[in-house]
């Protein structure tokens, strides 16, 4: 009787310490964008780049108009 008690106790201990199976869960939904302190600076930078593109286009149009008048 004692001969089987030690192995049975060892098996019961190992079974009690094992991890339970993971439940089937869907992955968590992506969270909304959290605003950071740099977001406003990035928006200002983007706006400045857009303004610079507009100024460059107007300067090119003006150069073309001057070139057309002088020829």
PDB file of N, CA and C in Angstrom:
ATOM      1  N   UNK A   1       0.824  -1.189   0.000  1.00  0.00           N
ATOM      2  CA  UNK A   1       0.000   0.000   0.000  1.00  0.00           C
ATOM      3  C   UNK A   1       0.868   1.253   0.000  1.00  0.00           C
ATOM      4  N   UNK A   2       1.856   1.316   0.909  1.00  0.00           N
ATOM      5  CA  UNK A   2       2.740   2.479   0.956  1.00  0.00           C
ATOM      6  C   UNK A   2       3.622   2.561  -0.285  1.00  0.00           C
ATOM      7  N   UNK A   3       3.776   1.425  -0.919  1.00  0.00           N
ATOM      8  CA  UNK A   3       4.589   1.367  -2.111  1.00  0.00           C
ATOM      9  C   UNK A   3       3.972   2.213  -3.225  1.00  0.00           C
ATOM     10  N   UNK A   4       2.665   2.312  -3.291  1.00  0.00           N
ATOM     11  CA  UNK A   4       1.978   3.068  -4.332  1.00  0.00           C
ATOM     12  C   UNK A   4       1.610   4.487  -3.867  1.00  0.00           C
ATOM     13  N   UNK A   5       1.712   4.741  -2.607  1.00  0.00           N
ATOM     14  CA  UNK A   5       1.288   6.036  -2.061  1.00  0.00           C
ATOM     15  C   UNK A   5       2.195   7.167  -2.543  1.00  0.00           C
ATOM     16  N   UNK A   6       3.511   6.961  -2.528  1.00  0.00           N
ATOM     17  CA  UNK A   6       4.449   8.009  -2.938  1.00  0.00           C
ATOM     18  C   UNK A   6       4.286   8.377  -4.411  1.00  0.00           C
ATOM     19  N   UNK A   7       4.257   7.423  -5.350  1.00  0.00           N
ATOM     20  CA  UNK A   7       4.058   7.807  -6.746  1.00  0.00           C
ATOM     21  C   UNK A   7       2.697   8.478  -6.986  1.00  0.00           C
ATOM     22  N   UNK A   8       1.660   8.002  -6.313  1.00  0.00           N
ATOM     23  CA  UNK A   8       0.342   8.620  -6.486  1.00  0.00           C
ATOM     24  C   UNK A   8       0.333  10.048  -5.949  1.00  0.00           C
ATOM     25  N   UNK A   9       0.995  10.284  -4.832  1.00  0.00           N
ATOM     26  CA  UNK A   9       1.082  11.634  -4.276  1.00  0.00           C
ATOM     27  C   UNK A   9       1.861  12.550  -5.210  1.00  0.00           C
ATOM     28  N   UNK A  10       2.922  12.036  -5.811  1.00  0.00           N
ATOM     29  CA  UNK A  10       3.722  12.807  -6.751  1.00  0.00           C
ATOM     30  C   UNK A  10       2.903  13.162  -7.992  1.00  0.00           C
ATOM     31  N   UNK A  11       2.161  12.218  -8.522  1.00  0.00           N
ATOM     32  CA  UNK A  11       1.325  12.465  -9.699  1.00  0.00           C
ATOM     33  C   UNK A  11       0.223  13.472  -9.377  1.00  0.00           C
ATOM     34  N   UNK A  12      -0.397  13.350  -8.210  1.00  0.00           N
ATOM     35  CA  UNK A  12      -1.452  14.283  -7.813  1.00  0.00           C
ATOM     36  C   UNK A  12      -0.891  15.695  -7.646  1.00  0.00           C
ATOM     37  N   UNK A  13       0.311  15.816  -7.085  1.00  0.00           N
ATOM     38  CA  UNK A  13       0.938  17.127  -6.904  1.00  0.00           C
ATOM     39  C   UNK A  13       1.248  17.769  -8.252  1.00  0.00           C
ATOM     40  N   UNK A  14       1.790  16.993  -9.171  1.00  0.00           N
ATOM     41  CA  UNK A  14       2.101  17.531 -10.505  1.00  0.00           C
ATOM     42  C   UNK A  14       0.832  17.952 -11.242  1.00  0.00           C
ATOM     43  N   UNK A  15      -0.218  17.179 -11.114  1.00  0.00           N
ATOM     44  CA  UNK A  15      -1.472  17.514 -11.784  1.00  0.00           C
ATOM     45  C   UNK A  15      -2.087  18.783 -11.199  1.00  0.00           C
ATOM     46  N   UNK A  16      -1.930  18.988  -9.902  1.00  0.00           N
ATOM     47  CA  UNK A  16      -2.501  20.176  -9.255  1.00  0.00           C
ATOM     48  C   UNK A  16      -1.743  21.430  -9.640  1.00  0.00           C
ATOM     49  N   UNK A  17      -0.467  21.317  -9.976  1.00  0.00           N
ATOM     50  CA  UNK A  17       0.351  22.490 -10.296  1.00  0.00           C
ATOM     51  C   UNK A  17       0.343  22.853 -11.777  1.00  0.00           C
ATOM     52  N   UNK A  18      -0.250  22.043 -12.610  1.00  0.00           N
ATOM     53  CA  UNK A  18      -0.229  22.330 -14.046  1.00  0.00           C
ATOM     54  C   UNK A  18      -1.166  23.484 -14.367  1.00  0.00           C
ATOM     55  N   UNK A  19      -0.872  24.182 -15.471  1.00  0.00           N
ATOM     56  CA  UNK A  19      -1.673  25.329 -15.878  1.00  0.00           C
ATOM     57  C   UNK A  19      -2.974  24.859 -16.523  1.00  0.00           C
ATOM     58  N   UNK A  20      -4.063  25.571 -16.293  1.00  0.00           N
ATOM     59  CA  UNK A  20      -5.316  25.212 -16.968  1.00  0.00           C
ATOM     60  C   UNK A  20      -5.230  25.614 -18.445  1.00  0.00           C
ATOM     61  N   UNK A  21      -5.988  24.981 -19.305  1.00  0.00           N
ATOM     62  CA  UNK A  21      -5.941  25.339 -20.726  1.00  0.00           C
ATOM     63  C   UNK A  21      -6.459  26.761 -20.937  1.00  0.00           C
ATOM     64  N   UNK A  22      -5.894  27.439 -21.915  1.00  0.00           N
ATOM     65  CA  UNK A  22      -6.295  28.803 -22.231  1.00  0.00           C
ATOM     66  C   UNK A  22      -7.680  28.821 -22.859  1.00  0.00           C
ATOM     67  N   UNK A  23      -8.557  29.698 -22.421  1.00  0.00           N
ATOM     68  CA  UNK A  23      -9.887  29.788 -23.035  1.00  0.00           C
ATOM     69  C   UNK A  23      -9.785  30.412 -24.427  1.00  0.00           C
ATOM     70  N   UNK A  24     -10.686  30.010 -25.288  1.00  0.00           N
ATOM     71  CA  UNK A  24     -10.703  30.568 -26.635  1.00  0.00           C
ATOM     72  C   UNK A  24     -11.282  31.971 -26.568  1.00  0.00           C
ATOM     73  N   UNK A  25     -10.435  32.946 -26.782  1.00  0.00           N
ATOM     74  CA  UNK A  25     -10.867  34.336 -26.747  1.00  0.00           C
ATOM     75  C   UNK A  25     -10.447  35.020 -28.032  1.00  0.00           C
ATOM     76  N   UNK A  26     -11.286  35.945 -28.474  1.00  0.00           N
ATOM     77  CA  UNK A  26     -10.929  36.750 -29.629  1.00  0.00           C
ATOM     78  C   UNK A  26      -9.853  37.744 -29.201  1.00  0.00           C
ATOM     79  N   UNK A  27      -8.969  38.113 -30.112  1.00  0.00           N
ATOM     80  CA  UNK A  27      -7.949  39.092 -29.734  1.00  0.00           C
ATOM     81  C   UNK A  27      -8.610  40.422 -29.367  1.00  0.00           C
ATOM     82  N   UNK A  28      -8.003  41.181 -28.494  1.00  0.00           N
ATOM     83  CA  UNK A  28      -8.632  42.443 -28.088  1.00  0.00           C
ATOM     84  C   UNK A  28      -8.756  43.398 -29.263  1.00  0.00           C
ATOM     85  N   UNK A  29      -9.821  44.161 -29.268  1.00  0.00           N
ATOM     86  CA  UNK A  29     -10.063  45.120 -30.349  1.00  0.00           C
ATOM     87  C   UNK A  29      -9.029  46.238 -30.261  1.00  0.00           C
ATOM     88  N   UNK A  30      -8.623  46.781 -31.405  1.00  0.00           N
ATOM     89  CA  UNK A  30      -7.657  47.877 -31.361  1.00  0.00           C
ATOM     90  C   UNK A  30      -8.257  49.086 -30.642  1.00  0.00           C
ATOM     91  N   UNK A  31      -7.439  49.735 -29.874  1.00  0.00           N
ATOM     92  CA  UNK A  31      -7.914  50.864 -29.100  1.00  0.00           C
ATOM     93  C   UNK A  31      -7.817  52.148 -29.923  1.00  0.00           C
ATOM     94  N   UNK A  32      -8.592  53.122 -29.531  1.00  0.00           N
ATOM     95  CA  UNK A  32      -8.591  54.401 -30.214  1.00  0.00           C
ATOM     96  C   UNK A  32      -7.232  55.077 -30.042  1.00  0.00           C
ATOM     97  N   UNK A  33      -6.925  55.948 -30.974  1.00  0.00           N
ATOM     98  CA  UNK A  33      -5.660  56.670 -30.946  1.00  0.00           C
ATOM     99  C   UNK A  33      -5.621  57.588 -29.725  1.00  0.00           C
ATOM    100  N   UNK A  34      -4.565  57.487 -28.973  1.00  0.00           N
ATOM    101  CA  UNK A  34      -4.390  58.328 -27.798  1.00  0.00           C
ATOM    102  C   UNK A  34      -3.545  59.522 -28.205  1.00  0.00           C
ATOM    103  N   UNK A  35      -4.054  60.707 -27.927  1.00  0.00           N
ATOM    104  CA  UNK A  35      -3.327  61.905 -28.334  1.00  0.00           C
ATOM    105  C   UNK A  35      -2.075  62.071 -27.484  1.00  0.00           C
ATOM    106  N   UNK A  36      -0.995  62.424 -28.148  1.00  0.00           N
ATOM    107  CA  UNK A  36       0.270  62.654 -27.470  1.00  0.00           C
ATOM    108  C   UNK A  36       0.624  64.132 -27.568  1.00  0.00           C
ATOM    109  N   UNK A  37       1.571  64.591 -26.795  1.00  0.00           N
ATOM    110  CA  UNK A  37       1.960  66.009 -26.868  1.00  0.00           C
ATOM    111  C   UNK A  37       2.524  66.400 -28.233  1.00  0.00           C
ATOM    112  N   UNK A  38       3.004  65.432 -28.994  1.00  0.00           N
ATOM    113  CA  UNK A  38       3.610  65.740 -30.278  1.00  0.00           C
ATOM    114  C   UNK A  38       2.596  65.828 -31.409  1.00  0.00           C
ATOM    115  N   UNK A  39       1.383  65.400 -31.193  1.00  0.00           N
ATOM    116  CA  UNK A  39       0.379  65.421 -32.254  1.00  0.00           C
ATOM    117  C   UNK A  39       0.124  66.836 -32.762  1.00  0.00           C
ATOM    118  N   UNK A  40       0.018  67.805 -31.859  1.00  0.00           N
ATOM    119  CA  UNK A  40      -0.243  69.175 -32.296  1.00  0.00           C
ATOM    120  C   UNK A  40       0.950  69.722 -33.073  1.00  0.00           C
ATOM    121  N   UNK A  41       2.159  69.374 -32.670  1.00  0.00           N
ATOM    122  CA  UNK A  41       3.344  69.836 -33.401  1.00  0.00           C
ATOM    123  C   UNK A  41       3.399  69.198 -34.792  1.00  0.00           C
ATOM    124  N   UNK A  42       3.032  67.932 -34.881  1.00  0.00           N
ATOM    125  CA  UNK A  42       3.015  67.268 -36.174  1.00  0.00           C
ATOM    126  C   UNK A  42       1.968  67.892 -37.094  1.00  0.00           C
ATOM    127  N   UNK A  43       0.822  68.268 -36.535  1.00  0.00           N
ATOM    128  CA  UNK A  43      -0.219  68.910 -37.337  1.00  0.00           C
ATOM    129  C   UNK A  43       0.267  70.264 -37.837  1.00  0.00           C
ATOM    130  N   UNK A  44       0.959  71.015 -37.001  1.00  0.00           N
ATOM    131  CA  UNK A  44       1.496  72.311 -37.420  1.00  0.00           C
ATOM    132  C   UNK A  44       2.559  72.132 -38.497  1.00  0.00           C
ATOM    133  N   UNK A  45       3.377  71.115 -38.355  1.00  0.00           N
ATOM    134  CA  UNK A  45       4.419  70.838 -39.349  1.00  0.00           C
ATOM    135  C   UNK A  45       3.796  70.492 -40.694  1.00  0.00           C
ATOM    136  N   UNK A  46       2.755  69.666 -40.673  1.00  0.00           N
ATOM    137  CA  UNK A  46       2.057  69.286 -41.907  1.00  0.00           C
ATOM    138  C   UNK A  46       1.431  70.512 -42.568  1.00  0.00           C
ATOM    139  N   UNK A  47       0.828  71.369 -41.756  1.00  0.00           N
ATOM    140  CA  UNK A  47       0.207  72.582 -42.293  1.00  0.00           C
ATOM    141  C   UNK A  47       1.272  73.481 -42.922  1.00  0.00           C
ATOM    142  N   UNK A  48       2.423  73.619 -42.268  1.00  0.00           N
ATOM    143  CA  UNK A  48       3.505  74.444 -42.803  1.00  0.00           C
ATOM    144  C   UNK A  48       4.032  73.864 -44.118  1.00  0.00           C
ATOM    145  N   UNK A  49       4.116  72.557 -44.211  1.00  0.00           N
ATOM    146  CA  UNK A  49       4.571  71.935 -45.458  1.00  0.00           C
ATOM    147  C   UNK A  49       3.577  72.185 -46.580  1.00  0.00           C
ATOM    148  N   UNK A  50       2.285  72.116 -46.269  1.00  0.00           N
ATOM    149  CA  UNK A  50       1.265  72.384 -47.277  1.00  0.00           C
ATOM    150  C   UNK A  50       1.316  73.832 -47.739  1.00  0.00           C
ATOM    151  N   UNK A  51       1.520  74.751 -46.812  1.00  0.00           N
ATOM    152  CA  UNK A  51       1.636  76.166 -47.168  1.00  0.00           C
ATOM    153  C   UNK A  51       2.861  76.379 -48.036  1.00  0.00           C
ATOM    154  N   UNK A  52       3.971  75.744 -47.706  1.00  0.00           N
ATOM    155  CA  UNK A  52       5.190  75.891 -48.503  1.00  0.00           C
ATOM    156  C   UNK A  52       4.986  75.367 -49.918  1.00  0.00           C
ATOM    157  N   UNK A  53       4.259  74.284 -50.073  1.00  0.00           N
ATOM    158  CA  UNK A  53       3.967  73.763 -51.414  1.00  0.00           C
ATOM    159  C   UNK A  53       3.156  74.774 -52.211  1.00  0.00           C
ATOM    160  N   UNK A  54       2.194  75.423 -51.562  1.00  0.00           N
ATOM    161  CA  UNK A  54       1.373  76.427 -52.235  1.00  0.00           C
ATOM    162  C   UNK A  54       2.220  77.624 -52.649  1.00  0.00           C
ATOM    163  N   UNK A  55       3.097  78.088 -51.768  1.00  0.00           N
ATOM    164  CA  UNK A  55       3.968  79.229 -52.077  1.00  0.00           C
ATOM    165  C   UNK A  55       4.910  78.874 -53.224  1.00  0.00           C
ATOM    166  N   UNK A  56       5.474  77.683 -53.191  1.00  0.00           N
ATOM    167  CA  UNK A  56       6.370  77.259 -54.278  1.00  0.00           C
ATOM    168  C   UNK A  56       5.642  77.198 -55.610  1.00  0.00           C
ATOM    169  N   UNK A  57       4.413  76.700 -55.604  1.00  0.00           N
ATOM    170  CA  UNK A  57       3.640  76.621 -56.847  1.00  0.00           C
ATOM    171  C   UNK A  57       3.317  78.021 -57.368  1.00  0.00           C
ATOM    172  N   UNK A  58       2.950  78.940 -56.481  1.00  0.00           N
ATOM    173  CA  UNK A  58       2.658  80.309 -56.904  1.00  0.00           C
ATOM    174  C   UNK A  58       3.909  80.992 -57.449  1.00  0.00           C
ATOM    175  N   UNK A  59       5.071  80.744 -56.834  1.00  0.00           N
ATOM    176  CA  UNK A  59       6.322  81.327 -57.324  1.00  0.00           C
ATOM    177  C   UNK A  59       6.670  80.775 -58.706  1.00  0.00           C
ATOM    178  N   UNK A  60       6.470  79.491 -58.906  1.00  0.00           N
ATOM    179  CA  UNK A  60       6.743  78.895 -60.218  1.00  0.00           C
ATOM    180  C   UNK A  60       5.797  79.464 -61.272  1.00  0.00           C
ATOM    181  N   UNK A  61       4.527  79.622 -60.921  1.00  0.00           N
ATOM    182  CA  UNK A  61       3.557  80.201 -61.863  1.00  0.00           C
ATOM    183  C   UNK A  61       3.941  81.639 -62.197  1.00  0.00           C
ATOM    184  N   UNK A  62       4.390  82.402 -61.206  1.00  0.00           N
ATOM    185  CA  UNK A  62       4.782  83.792 -61.437  1.00  0.00           C
ATOM    186  C   UNK A  62       6.020  83.857 -62.329  1.00  0.00           C
ATOM    187  N   UNK A  63       7.009  82.988 -62.092  1.00  0.00           N
ATOM    188  CA  UNK A  63       8.204  82.948 -62.949  1.00  0.00           C
ATOM    189  C   UNK A  63       7.831  82.617 -64.384  1.00  0.00           C
ATOM    190  N   UNK A  64       6.912  81.673 -64.543  1.00  0.00           N
ATOM    191  CA  UNK A  64       6.488  81.286 -65.890  1.00  0.00           C
ATOM    192  C   UNK A  64       5.784  82.444 -66.568  1.00  0.00           C
ATOM    193  N   UNK A  65       4.946  83.183 -65.835  1.00  0.00           N
ATOM    194  CA  UNK A  65       4.253  84.317 -66.423  1.00  0.00           C
ATOM    195  C   UNK A  65       5.230  85.418 -66.826  1.00  0.00           C
ATOM    196  N   UNK A  66       6.243  85.656 -66.007  1.00  0.00           N
ATOM    197  CA  UNK A  66       7.259  86.675 -66.345  1.00  0.00           C
ATOM    198  C   UNK A  66       8.051  86.242 -67.565  1.00  0.00           C
ATOM    199  N   UNK A  67       8.442  84.968 -67.608  1.00  0.00           N
ATOM    200  CA  UNK A  67       9.180  84.465 -68.761  1.00  0.00           C
ATOM    201  C   UNK A  67       8.364  84.566 -70.043  1.00  0.00           C
ATOM    202  N   UNK A  68       7.057  84.304 -69.956  1.00  0.00           N
ATOM    203  CA  UNK A  68       6.202  84.391 -71.130  1.00  0.00           C
ATOM    204  C   UNK A  68       6.083  85.830 -71.623  1.00  0.00           C
ATOM    205  N   UNK A  69       6.082  86.823 -70.725  1.00  0.00           N
ATOM    206  CA  UNK A  69       5.953  88.223 -71.113  1.00  0.00           C
ATOM    207  C   UNK A  69       7.259  88.766 -71.709  1.00  0.00           C
ATOM    208  N   UNK A  70       8.396  88.284 -71.235  1.00  0.00           N
ATOM    209  CA  UNK A  70       9.680  88.818 -71.726  1.00  0.00           C
ATOM    210  C   UNK A  70      10.076  88.202 -73.055  1.00  0.00           C
ATOM    211  N   UNK A  71       9.502  87.164 -73.494  1.00  0.00           N
ATOM    212  CA  UNK A  71       9.892  86.541 -74.760  1.00  0.00           C
ATOM    213  C   UNK A  71       9.073  87.019 -75.894  1.00  0.00           C
TER     214      UNK A  71
END
